[in-house]
Amino acid sequence: MNLKKMPKEDLKKEIRKFLDIRKVLVLCTCSNNIPRATPMDFYTEKDNFNIYVGPAPGRKVKNMEENPIVSIGIYTPMSEGKIQGMQITATGKERLIFLQQGDEEFEKAQKIVRGKRKVILKIIPEKIELLDYDFIKNGYSRLQVLDL
């Protein structure tokens, strides 16, 4: 069975739909070959796939400062009866932007993120992988990749 890539616009709609109903991600960082996986609530803008989180100071922030590469996992709980998951990759300080009060984008980000935050991390994805076994029903591969 040769399953195919979904058209880009359809894939973007599927990604948007998935992100709109999920509220928790696992942010994975690494420093000195020691990985750290941190569950966090997240927020997105409607017209792109940028992700906003309000990180408390700690190891994950230090890891990103030392090693600006993150992987994000978001999944559908098995209790929902679906096999779905998303992997997001962002590499480089230009894609991992720490916004603070006084920064041009901070007020805009503060309106997206619930609760008053001192620092907001804006993550600009470079690659989004969406796994959904339901895609097979429409003749598509269960794993679809969007390079941004």
Protein backbone atom coordinates (compact mmCIF):
# COMPACT_ATOMS: atom_id res chain seq x y z
CA MET A 1 0.00 0.00 0.00
CA ASN A 2 1.64 3.21 -1.19
CA LEU A 3 0.25 6.02 0.95
CA LYS A 4 0.82 9.59 -0.11
CA LYS A 5 1.54 13.05 1.21
CA MET A 6 -1.42 15.22 2.03
CA PRO A 7 -1.72 18.50 0.08
CA LYS A 8 0.03 21.27 2.04
CA GLU A 9 -3.10 23.38 2.65
CA ASP A 10 -5.03 20.33 3.91
CA LEU A 11 -2.14 19.45 6.22
CA LYS A 12 -2.07 22.99 7.60
CA LYS A 13 -5.81 22.70 8.38
CA GLU A 14 -5.24 19.37 10.17
CA ILE A 15 -2.37 20.87 12.20
CA ARG A 16 -4.49 23.90 13.14
CA LYS A 17 -7.40 21.64 14.18
CA PHE A 18 -5.06 19.51 16.32
CA LEU A 19 -3.42 22.52 18.01
CA ASP A 20 -6.78 24.19 18.70
CA ILE A 21 -8.02 21.31 20.87
CA ARG A 22 -4.79 20.56 22.73
CA LYS A 23 -3.67 22.64 25.71
CA VAL A 24 -0.57 20.85 27.08
CA LEU A 25 2.76 20.14 25.44
CA VAL A 26 5.99 18.52 26.59
CA LEU A 27 8.95 20.82 25.94
CA CYS A 28 12.18 18.88 25.55
CA THR A 29 15.52 20.61 26.02
CA CYS A 30 19.03 19.27 26.48
CA SER A 31 22.34 20.38 27.95
CA ASN A 32 25.54 18.35 28.32
CA ASN A 33 23.70 15.29 26.97
CA ILE A 34 21.18 15.48 29.82
CA PRO A 35 17.64 15.79 28.41
CA ARG A 36 14.80 17.50 30.24
CA ALA A 37 11.11 17.06 29.38
CA THR A 38 8.76 19.66 30.87
CA PRO A 39 4.94 19.53 30.55
CA MET A 40 3.56 23.05 30.04
CA ASP A 41 0.33 24.73 28.98
CA PHE A 42 0.63 26.45 25.61
CA TYR A 43 -1.11 28.98 23.41
CA THR A 44 -1.03 29.65 19.67
CA GLU A 45 -1.94 32.39 17.25
CA LYS A 46 -4.71 31.63 14.77
CA ASP A 47 -2.86 32.74 11.63
CA ASN A 48 0.39 30.77 12.12
CA PHE A 49 1.82 27.90 14.14
CA ASN A 50 3.90 29.91 16.62
CA ILE A 51 3.66 28.56 20.15
CA TYR A 52 3.73 30.63 23.32
CA VAL A 53 4.55 29.33 26.78
CA GLY A 54 5.22 31.11 30.05
CA PRO A 55 8.31 29.35 31.38
CA ALA A 56 9.20 29.73 35.04
CA PRO A 57 12.94 30.28 35.48
CA GLY A 58 14.77 26.99 35.80
CA ARG A 59 16.73 24.25 34.10
CA LYS A 60 14.75 24.33 30.82
CA VAL A 61 15.52 28.03 30.32
CA LYS A 62 19.21 27.50 31.07
CA ASN A 63 19.23 24.53 28.68
CA MET A 64 17.78 26.65 25.85
CA GLU A 65 20.31 29.40 26.49
CA GLU A 66 23.17 26.86 26.26
CA ASN A 67 21.64 24.71 23.51
CA PRO A 68 18.92 26.50 21.46
CA ILE A 69 17.30 23.35 20.08
CA VAL A 70 13.91 22.16 21.31
CA SER A 71 11.58 19.33 20.50
CA ILE A 72 7.94 19.54 21.49
CA GLY A 73 5.56 16.62 21.89
CA ILE A 74 1.78 17.01 21.91
CA TYR A 75 -0.51 13.99 21.91
CA THR A 76 -4.08 12.82 22.09
CA PRO A 77 -4.69 10.71 25.21
CA MET A 78 -5.32 7.04 24.37
CA SER A 79 -8.61 7.31 26.28
CA GLU A 80 -9.99 9.28 23.31
CA GLY A 81 -9.63 6.19 21.12
CA LYS A 82 -7.34 7.80 18.55
CA ILE A 83 -3.66 7.42 17.79
CA GLN A 84 -2.53 10.99 17.23
CA GLY A 85 0.59 12.89 18.10
CA MET A 86 2.59 15.90 17.02
CA GLN A 87 6.31 16.56 17.09
CA ILE A 88 7.56 20.13 16.61
CA THR A 89 11.19 21.06 16.09
CA ALA A 90 12.69 24.53 16.52
CA THR A 91 16.39 25.28 16.25
CA GLY A 92 18.28 28.50 16.93
CA LYS A 93 17.82 31.60 19.04
CA GLU A 94 15.93 33.29 16.19
CA ARG A 95 13.20 30.62 16.64
CA LEU A 96 13.28 30.58 20.48
CA ILE A 97 12.51 34.14 21.49
CA PHE A 98 12.24 35.16 25.14
CA LEU A 99 9.93 38.16 25.40
CA GLN A 100 9.95 40.43 28.45
CA GLN A 101 8.08 43.55 29.46
CA GLY A 102 9.32 46.43 27.34
CA ASP A 103 9.92 44.20 24.30
CA GLU A 104 7.94 45.17 21.21
CA GLU A 105 6.06 41.85 20.99
CA PHE A 106 5.53 41.28 24.73
CA GLU A 107 2.12 42.96 25.03
CA LYS A 108 0.78 41.09 21.99
CA ALA A 109 2.06 37.79 23.45
CA GLN A 110 0.62 38.63 26.88
CA LYS A 111 -2.84 38.87 25.26
CA ILE A 112 -2.40 35.37 23.78
CA VAL A 113 -1.08 33.72 26.97
CA ARG A 114 -3.45 33.38 29.92
CA GLY A 115 -2.26 34.85 33.21
CA LYS A 116 0.25 37.62 33.84
CA ARG A 117 3.77 36.49 32.92
CA LYS A 118 7.17 38.07 33.45
CA VAL A 119 8.68 36.14 30.54
CA ILE A 120 6.98 34.56 27.54
CA LEU A 121 8.77 32.16 25.23
CA LYS A 122 7.74 32.42 21.58
CA ILE A 123 8.63 29.28 19.64
CA ILE A 124 8.64 29.52 15.85
CA PRO A 125 8.45 25.94 14.50
CA GLU A 126 10.69 24.90 11.63
CA LYS A 127 9.19 21.43 11.26
CA ILE A 128 5.86 19.95 12.34
CA GLU A 129 5.23 16.21 12.13
CA LEU A 130 1.65 15.07 12.61
CA LEU A 131 0.88 11.40 13.15
CA ASP A 132 -2.76 10.41 12.78
CA TYR A 133 -3.82 6.88 11.93
CA ASP A 134 -7.13 8.26 10.59
CA PHE A 135 -5.23 9.75 7.62
CA ILE A 136 -4.93 6.23 6.20
CA LYS A 137 -8.72 6.14 5.66
CA ASN A 138 -8.26 8.92 3.08
CA GLY A 139 -5.30 7.27 1.35
CA TYR A 140 -2.63 9.37 3.06
CA SER A 141 0.39 8.24 5.03
CA ARG A 142 -0.29 8.27 8.79
CA LEU A 143 2.76 10.54 9.25
CA GLN A 144 2.65 13.92 7.55
CA VAL A 145 5.48 16.48 7.70
CA LEU A 146 5.29 20.25 7.24
CA ASP A 147 8.61 22.07 6.81
CA LEU A 148 8.27 25.78 7.57
